[in-house]
Amino acid sequence: MIYAVKMDDDGFKLRDSQEKLLWKIKLYPDKVKIADNEEMSGAYELKLKEEGRLKLERNDQEVTQIRLMENSEYTVGSYLVRGVGLSLSPGVLLIPEISEEHKVMIMAELLFHKR
């Protein structure tokens, strides 16, 4: 085992092979929070706004935003995104502290949870 996804009542955690927490993800009806600690301090928030705008915030400050396109492909940074609809999952690609491997795993889990 290299990584493990551990489910919680309100989200999931990505852990390494030694069970060390890498990322904690909390799922809410209107947003997703992502942090590298149990207390969720300094967490990133992904929020879907009107007209398909996805906002990335941290400490109540907007970091960036992108426009999602439900039925087409589009770019997020250097990534080509297609087939995810109006999911919050592409917002993970905007968080620089998350490694490429971890981004893919977190995005997959968010899509599984229909976020």
N, C-alpha and C. Protein backbone atom coordinates (compact mmCIF):
# COMPACT_ATOMS: atom_id res chain seq x y z
N MET A 1 0.83 -1.18 0.00
CA MET A 1 0.00 0.00 0.00
C MET A 1 0.88 1.24 0.00
N ILE A 2 0.56 2.16 -0.88
CA ILE A 2 1.28 3.43 -0.92
C ILE A 2 0.44 4.53 -0.28
N TYR A 3 -0.86 4.54 -0.59
CA TYR A 3 -1.80 5.51 -0.04
C TYR A 3 -3.06 4.80 0.39
N ALA A 4 -3.80 5.44 1.28
CA ALA A 4 -5.09 4.92 1.70
C ALA A 4 -6.07 6.08 1.79
N VAL A 5 -7.28 5.82 1.36
CA VAL A 5 -8.37 6.78 1.54
C VAL A 5 -9.24 6.24 2.65
N LYS A 6 -9.36 7.02 3.71
CA LYS A 6 -10.16 6.63 4.88
C LYS A 6 -11.40 7.50 4.90
N MET A 7 -12.56 6.85 4.92
CA MET A 7 -13.83 7.57 4.91
C MET A 7 -14.20 8.03 6.31
N ASP A 8 -14.82 9.20 6.40
CA ASP A 8 -15.39 9.74 7.62
C ASP A 8 -16.87 10.00 7.35
N ASP A 9 -17.59 10.37 8.39
CA ASP A 9 -19.01 10.69 8.21
C ASP A 9 -19.20 11.90 7.31
N ASP A 10 -18.27 12.84 7.35
CA ASP A 10 -18.44 14.09 6.61
C ASP A 10 -17.35 14.32 5.57
N GLY A 11 -16.68 13.27 5.13
CA GLY A 11 -15.64 13.42 4.12
C GLY A 11 -14.69 12.24 4.09
N PHE A 12 -13.42 12.51 3.81
CA PHE A 12 -12.43 11.45 3.74
C PHE A 12 -11.04 12.03 3.99
N LYS A 13 -10.10 11.14 4.25
CA LYS A 13 -8.71 11.52 4.48
C LYS A 13 -7.82 10.71 3.57
N LEU A 14 -6.81 11.36 3.04
CA LEU A 14 -5.78 10.68 2.26
C LEU A 14 -4.58 10.51 3.17
N ARG A 15 -4.15 9.26 3.34
CA ARG A 15 -3.03 8.95 4.23
C ARG A 15 -1.95 8.20 3.45
N ASP A 16 -0.71 8.28 3.95
CA ASP A 16 0.38 7.54 3.31
C ASP A 16 0.46 6.13 3.89
N SER A 17 1.46 5.37 3.48
CA SER A 17 1.58 3.97 3.91
C SER A 17 1.86 3.83 5.40
N GLN A 18 2.32 4.88 6.03
CA GLN A 18 2.57 4.86 7.48
C GLN A 18 1.39 5.43 8.26
N GLU A 19 0.25 5.64 7.57
CA GLU A 19 -0.97 6.20 8.16
C GLU A 19 -0.85 7.68 8.51
N LYS A 20 0.17 8.35 8.02
CA LYS A 20 0.31 9.79 8.25
C LYS A 20 -0.70 10.54 7.38
N LEU A 21 -1.38 11.51 7.98
CA LEU A 21 -2.34 12.31 7.25
C LEU A 21 -1.64 13.16 6.20
N LEU A 22 -2.12 13.06 4.97
CA LEU A 22 -1.63 13.92 3.90
C LEU A 22 -2.63 15.04 3.64
N TRP A 23 -3.90 14.67 3.46
CA TRP A 23 -4.96 15.64 3.19
C TRP A 23 -6.26 15.19 3.84
N LYS A 24 -6.95 16.14 4.43
CA LYS A 24 -8.28 15.90 5.00
C LYS A 24 -9.26 16.70 4.15
N ILE A 25 -10.32 16.03 3.71
CA ILE A 25 -11.32 16.64 2.85
C ILE A 25 -12.67 16.53 3.54
N LYS A 26 -13.32 17.67 3.74
CA LYS A 26 -14.65 17.70 4.35
C LYS A 26 -15.65 18.12 3.28
N LEU A 27 -16.74 17.35 3.21
CA LEU A 27 -17.77 17.59 2.21
C LEU A 27 -18.97 18.28 2.85
N TYR A 28 -19.40 19.36 2.24
CA TYR A 28 -20.57 20.11 2.67
C TYR A 28 -21.53 20.19 1.49
N PRO A 29 -22.79 20.50 1.73
CA PRO A 29 -23.74 20.61 0.61
C PRO A 29 -23.33 21.65 -0.43
N ASP A 30 -22.69 22.74 0.00
CA ASP A 30 -22.38 23.83 -0.92
C ASP A 30 -20.90 24.07 -1.15
N LYS A 31 -20.03 23.25 -0.54
CA LYS A 31 -18.59 23.46 -0.71
C LYS A 31 -17.81 22.22 -0.29
N VAL A 32 -16.51 22.26 -0.58
CA VAL A 32 -15.56 21.23 -0.15
C VAL A 32 -14.39 21.97 0.50
N LYS A 33 -13.94 21.45 1.64
CA LYS A 33 -12.78 22.04 2.31
C LYS A 33 -11.64 21.03 2.29
N ILE A 34 -10.42 21.52 2.03
CA ILE A 34 -9.24 20.66 1.92
C ILE A 34 -8.12 21.27 2.76
N ALA A 35 -7.55 20.45 3.66
CA ALA A 35 -6.44 20.93 4.49
C ALA A 35 -5.46 19.78 4.71
N ASP A 36 -4.25 20.15 5.13
CA ASP A 36 -3.22 19.15 5.40
C ASP A 36 -3.08 18.86 6.90
N ASN A 37 -4.14 19.16 7.66
CA ASN A 37 -4.11 18.93 9.10
C ASN A 37 -5.49 18.56 9.61
N GLU A 38 -5.54 17.90 10.76
CA GLU A 38 -6.80 17.44 11.35
C GLU A 38 -7.72 18.60 11.74
N GLU A 39 -7.15 19.71 12.17
CA GLU A 39 -7.93 20.84 12.65
C GLU A 39 -8.54 21.66 11.52
N MET A 40 -8.14 21.39 10.29
CA MET A 40 -8.60 22.10 9.10
C MET A 40 -8.18 23.57 9.12
N SER A 41 -7.10 23.89 9.84
CA SER A 41 -6.63 25.27 9.84
C SER A 41 -5.96 25.57 8.49
N GLY A 42 -6.20 26.77 7.99
CA GLY A 42 -5.65 27.15 6.70
C GLY A 42 -6.23 26.39 5.53
N ALA A 43 -7.45 25.85 5.70
CA ALA A 43 -8.07 25.02 4.67
C ALA A 43 -8.41 25.83 3.43
N TYR A 44 -8.32 25.17 2.30
CA TYR A 44 -8.83 25.70 1.05
C TYR A 44 -10.32 25.36 0.98
N GLU A 45 -11.09 26.23 0.36
CA GLU A 45 -12.51 25.98 0.14
C GLU A 45 -12.81 26.08 -1.35
N LEU A 46 -13.49 25.07 -1.86
CA LEU A 46 -13.97 25.07 -3.23
C LEU A 46 -15.47 25.29 -3.20
N LYS A 47 -15.94 26.30 -3.92
CA LYS A 47 -17.36 26.64 -3.93
C LYS A 47 -17.82 26.82 -5.37
N LEU A 48 -18.98 26.28 -5.68
CA LEU A 48 -19.56 26.46 -7.01
C LEU A 48 -20.56 27.60 -6.92
N LYS A 49 -20.31 28.64 -7.70
CA LYS A 49 -21.16 29.82 -7.71
C LYS A 49 -22.04 29.79 -8.95
N GLU A 50 -22.82 30.84 -9.13
CA GLU A 50 -23.74 30.92 -10.26
C GLU A 50 -22.98 30.86 -11.58
N GLU A 51 -23.70 30.43 -12.59
CA GLU A 51 -23.17 30.35 -13.96
C GLU A 51 -21.91 29.49 -14.08
N GLY A 52 -21.77 28.48 -13.25
CA GLY A 52 -20.66 27.55 -13.38
C GLY A 52 -19.31 28.08 -12.95
N ARG A 53 -19.28 29.13 -12.11
CA ARG A 53 -18.00 29.64 -11.62
C ARG A 53 -17.58 28.84 -10.39
N LEU A 54 -16.38 28.33 -10.42
CA LEU A 54 -15.81 27.63 -9.28
C LEU A 54 -14.80 28.58 -8.62
N LYS A 55 -15.00 28.84 -7.33
CA LYS A 55 -14.10 29.73 -6.60
C LYS A 55 -13.24 28.92 -5.64
N LEU A 56 -11.98 29.26 -5.61
CA LEU A 56 -11.05 28.70 -4.63
C LEU A 56 -10.74 29.81 -3.63
N GLU A 57 -11.02 29.53 -2.35
CA GLU A 57 -10.77 30.49 -1.29
C GLU A 57 -9.89 29.88 -0.22
N ARG A 58 -9.20 30.76 0.50
CA ARG A 58 -8.41 30.34 1.65
C ARG A 58 -8.43 31.48 2.65
N ASN A 59 -8.75 31.16 3.89
CA ASN A 59 -8.84 32.18 4.96
C ASN A 59 -9.78 33.31 4.55
N ASP A 60 -10.93 32.95 4.00
CA ASP A 60 -11.97 33.90 3.58
C ASP A 60 -11.51 34.87 2.49
N GLN A 61 -10.45 34.55 1.79
CA GLN A 61 -9.95 35.36 0.68
C GLN A 61 -9.99 34.54 -0.60
N GLU A 62 -10.47 35.14 -1.67
CA GLU A 62 -10.48 34.44 -2.95
C GLU A 62 -9.07 34.29 -3.47
N VAL A 63 -8.69 33.06 -3.81
CA VAL A 63 -7.39 32.77 -4.40
C VAL A 63 -7.49 32.90 -5.91
N THR A 64 -8.49 32.26 -6.48
CA THR A 64 -8.72 32.31 -7.92
C THR A 64 -10.11 31.75 -8.21
N GLN A 65 -10.50 31.84 -9.45
CA GLN A 65 -11.74 31.21 -9.88
C GLN A 65 -11.60 30.78 -11.33
N ILE A 66 -12.40 29.79 -11.70
CA ILE A 66 -12.44 29.31 -13.07
C ILE A 66 -13.89 29.12 -13.47
N ARG A 67 -14.13 29.09 -14.74
CA ARG A 67 -15.47 28.81 -15.25
C ARG A 67 -15.52 27.37 -15.73
N LEU A 68 -16.46 26.62 -15.19
CA LEU A 68 -16.65 25.23 -15.59
C LEU A 68 -17.57 25.18 -16.80
N MET A 69 -17.37 24.18 -17.63
CA MET A 69 -18.22 24.00 -18.79
C MET A 69 -18.76 22.58 -18.74
N GLU A 70 -20.05 22.48 -18.58
CA GLU A 70 -20.69 21.19 -18.30
C GLU A 70 -20.47 20.14 -19.38
N ASN A 71 -20.57 20.52 -20.63
CA ASN A 71 -20.53 19.52 -21.71
C ASN A 71 -19.36 19.66 -22.65
N SER A 72 -18.27 20.25 -22.21
CA SER A 72 -17.12 20.37 -23.10
C SER A 72 -15.83 20.26 -22.31
N GLU A 73 -14.73 20.25 -23.02
CA GLU A 73 -13.44 20.21 -22.34
C GLU A 73 -12.89 21.62 -22.21
N TYR A 74 -12.06 21.81 -21.20
CA TYR A 74 -11.48 23.12 -20.93
C TYR A 74 -10.18 22.91 -20.18
N THR A 75 -9.38 23.96 -20.09
CA THR A 75 -8.10 23.85 -19.39
C THR A 75 -8.18 24.51 -18.02
N VAL A 76 -7.49 23.89 -17.09
CA VAL A 76 -7.30 24.43 -15.75
C VAL A 76 -5.79 24.41 -15.53
N GLY A 77 -5.17 25.59 -15.61
CA GLY A 77 -3.72 25.63 -15.56
C GLY A 77 -3.16 24.89 -16.77
N SER A 78 -2.35 23.87 -16.53
CA SER A 78 -1.79 23.08 -17.63
C SER A 78 -2.54 21.77 -17.84
N TYR A 79 -3.70 21.62 -17.22
CA TYR A 79 -4.49 20.39 -17.32
C TYR A 79 -5.65 20.56 -18.28
N LEU A 80 -5.94 19.51 -19.04
CA LEU A 80 -7.13 19.45 -19.88
C LEU A 80 -8.18 18.66 -19.10
N VAL A 81 -9.32 19.27 -18.90
CA VAL A 81 -10.39 18.64 -18.11
C VAL A 81 -11.56 18.35 -19.03
N ARG A 82 -12.10 17.14 -18.93
CA ARG A 82 -13.29 16.80 -19.69
C ARG A 82 -14.07 15.72 -18.95
N GLY A 83 -15.38 15.74 -19.13
CA GLY A 83 -16.23 14.69 -18.60
C GLY A 83 -16.55 14.77 -17.11
N VAL A 84 -16.33 15.92 -16.49
CA VAL A 84 -16.65 16.01 -15.05
C VAL A 84 -17.85 16.90 -14.77
N GLY A 85 -18.41 17.53 -15.80
CA GLY A 85 -19.58 18.37 -15.61
C GLY A 85 -19.29 19.54 -14.70
N LEU A 86 -20.26 19.87 -13.86
CA LEU A 86 -20.12 21.00 -12.94
C LEU A 86 -19.63 20.53 -11.57
N SER A 87 -18.68 19.66 -11.57
CA SER A 87 -18.08 19.13 -10.35
C SER A 87 -17.11 20.14 -9.75
N LEU A 88 -16.95 20.08 -8.43
CA LEU A 88 -15.93 20.88 -7.75
C LEU A 88 -14.53 20.29 -7.92
N SER A 89 -14.44 19.06 -8.39
CA SER A 89 -13.16 18.36 -8.44
C SER A 89 -12.06 19.08 -9.22
N PRO A 90 -12.32 19.78 -10.34
CA PRO A 90 -11.22 20.48 -11.02
C PRO A 90 -10.56 21.56 -10.17
N GLY A 91 -11.24 22.04 -9.15
CA GLY A 91 -10.66 23.04 -8.27
C GLY A 91 -9.43 22.53 -7.54
N VAL A 92 -9.34 21.23 -7.35
CA VAL A 92 -8.17 20.63 -6.69
C VAL A 92 -6.91 20.93 -7.51
N LEU A 93 -7.05 21.02 -8.82
CA LEU A 93 -5.90 21.29 -9.69
C LEU A 93 -5.30 22.67 -9.44
N LEU A 94 -6.05 23.55 -8.81
CA LEU A 94 -5.60 24.92 -8.56
C LEU A 94 -4.80 25.07 -7.27
N ILE A 95 -4.71 24.02 -6.47
CA ILE A 95 -4.04 24.10 -5.17
C ILE A 95 -2.59 23.66 -5.34
N PRO A 96 -1.65 24.60 -5.27
CA PRO A 96 -0.25 24.28 -5.57
C PRO A 96 0.41 23.34 -4.56
N GLU A 97 -0.04 23.31 -3.33
CA GLU A 97 0.60 22.46 -2.32
C GLU A 97 0.30 20.97 -2.50
N ILE A 98 -0.72 20.66 -3.27
CA ILE A 98 -1.09 19.25 -3.47
C ILE A 98 -0.27 18.68 -4.62
N SER A 99 0.38 17.54 -4.38
CA SER A 99 1.18 16.90 -5.44
C SER A 99 0.27 16.38 -6.55
N GLU A 100 0.86 16.13 -7.70
CA GLU A 100 0.10 15.62 -8.85
C GLU A 100 -0.61 14.32 -8.52
N GLU A 101 0.09 13.40 -7.89
CA GLU A 101 -0.50 12.12 -7.50
C GLU A 101 -1.70 12.31 -6.59
N HIS A 102 -1.55 13.16 -5.61
CA HIS A 102 -2.61 13.39 -4.64
C HIS A 102 -3.81 14.09 -5.28
N LYS A 103 -3.55 15.00 -6.22
CA LYS A 103 -4.63 15.68 -6.93
C LYS A 103 -5.54 14.67 -7.62
N VAL A 104 -4.93 13.72 -8.31
CA VAL A 104 -5.71 12.71 -9.04
C VAL A 104 -6.56 11.89 -8.08
N MET A 105 -5.99 11.48 -6.96
CA MET A 105 -6.74 10.67 -6.00
C MET A 105 -7.88 11.46 -5.36
N ILE A 106 -7.62 12.70 -5.00
CA ILE A 106 -8.66 13.52 -4.38
C ILE A 106 -9.77 13.82 -5.38
N MET A 107 -9.40 14.13 -6.62
CA MET A 107 -10.41 14.37 -7.65
C MET A 107 -11.29 13.15 -7.88
N ALA A 108 -10.68 11.97 -7.94
CA ALA A 108 -11.43 10.75 -8.14
C ALA A 108 -12.43 10.53 -7.00
N GLU A 109 -12.01 10.76 -5.78
CA GLU A 109 -12.91 10.60 -4.63
C GLU A 109 -14.04 11.62 -4.67
N LEU A 110 -13.72 12.86 -5.04
CA LEU A 110 -14.78 13.88 -5.13
C LEU A 110 -15.79 13.50 -6.20
N LEU A 111 -15.33 12.99 -7.32
CA LEU A 111 -16.26 12.55 -8.37
C LEU A 111 -17.09 11.37 -7.90
N PHE A 112 -16.48 10.44 -7.16
CA PHE A 112 -17.21 9.30 -6.61
C PHE A 112 -18.34 9.78 -5.69
N HIS A 113 -18.06 10.83 -4.92
CA HIS A 113 -19.04 11.39 -3.99
C HIS A 113 -19.95 12.41 -4.67
N LYS A 114 -19.88 12.48 -6.00
CA LYS A 114 -20.70 13.37 -6.81
C LYS A 114 -20.55 14.83 -6.39
N ARG A 115 -19.33 15.23 -6.15
CA ARG A 115 -19.02 16.63 -5.81
C ARG A 115 -18.26 17.21 -6.95
